[in-house]
Amino acid sequence: MQRFDASLLVCVLLLLPLGLLATACSTPSSGSAAEGADTTQPTSAEPPQLPSTPPGPYPDRVVLSHAADPSSSLSVTWRTDSTVTGAKAQVALATGGPSFYTQARTVEAETQDLHAHKVTGEHVSANYHSVTFEGLMADTLYAYRVGDGERWSEWFHARTASQQPEPFSFVYVGDAQNNVRSHWSRLIRQAYTDAPEIDFLLHAGDLVDNAHRNVEWGHWNAAGGFIQSMVPNIAVPGNHEYAGYRSWRARDTFQVEVEANGQEMTGTILEPDGNPEPLEATNSGAVPSSSRSPTGDWDYNVDNGEYVGTLQIESDGSGYGATLVSEDGRARPLQDVSVDGNTLTGHFLMEVEKESPEQLSVHWHPQFAFPENGPEGMEETVYHLDYQGMRVVGLNSEAAKMD
């Protein structure tokens, strides 16, 4: 691990270009000729039903971070079930003898609940607790534990930063995101094996794939295990940390307007959100090139071939009828059909999946303790942290979605 000369104040900007991160995560690197000769494709994808550990009265998901001056404080969050309300933590100098704990200082925790209805997948309520140990000595090894006075975690070691602009090292982690329990566990554990003296972990977004899915955050915590309890985590959310946390299906109205000209037809389908999708069609029957009538069977494609099928338009002398028949044979009759010359208008109903507005993962704030010194309205995800002469600036590319 290369160490950084921090004699000058340097600003590290963590920008999250969404396309770049997604490509880095999903595009396999090219291998050697020998690797290419193996045509087998074993899969290690995790079963989607694989559960994470449910919360209990004992602490789990213990995550160390920095919410204040890294040279004089340490911050930690953890999870329990909803029965634990009097949470607290203890900190002491990590001396060599077994009686170090007799000098421990107890700090009362702040508690917030995470209701089951906000969590995707495993609908289990939990309490999250947070503590910041302040007044610590710089560049000093401490031991801490979290609990409720009776049920405690093990003791974890953590070191405060130096007050001086000294060199330090960290591990930069890109998108954990997919198969976290299977694959990211290998990466983070090997990184810690290779560089056990790192000063912090830098997570550049997309820690999980589905923002509010409890099992994925469970896998993220399980993969890092005690490492994330001993090495401070500095993280910014990526686009996958944003999503609506409620979805449902409902019937919605799509407006149709098409214009026929000989064997060609053009028009639009207006989606419920006002987005127009272009429609192009050709008449599959024999129609004089001079005809401008919309009747007949029209082979259509919408959105440049994304959706294809047949638009059937008929007239019985008293009016017009029209039906969109999709490629899979599903018929959607148009209602309130009106024809003016060669232009037809109408609408159809279709069941669509809806989702509540995007928001930051419901797990983010309970699970991480970071400085809240960013712009107004973005304090939770945009912040700066001064570390041994360097300023780390967490910039969130999705912050505009919080407006």
Foldseek 3Di string as FASTA:
>chain_A
DDKDQQPAAAEDEQDCDPVVLVCVVPPDDDDDPVVVVDPDDDDDADDPPDFFDAFAQAWALKFKADADALFFKIKIKTKHAPVQDFKKKWKFAPDDDPCRRVPIDIDTWDKDKDAQLLAPDPSGIIIMTMDMHGRHHGQGKMWMWIHRVPHIDDIEIATGFHPAQHIFAEAEDGACAGPNLNPVLVVLVVVCVVPVRHQAYEYSANPYQAQRHPRRSSSSRVSNPCVSNHHHYDYFHAPNQKFFRDKDKDKDKWKWKWWAQWQKIWTWIQDPVRDTKIKIWGAPDDTPRRDRAQAGWIWMAINVNPWTFIWHWDDPPVDIWIWTQTPVGDIWTFPPWDDDRNMIITMTMDMDMDGDQMDGRPVQVSSDNHHQPDDPQQSSGWDWHDGSNYIYTGDYPCSVSSD
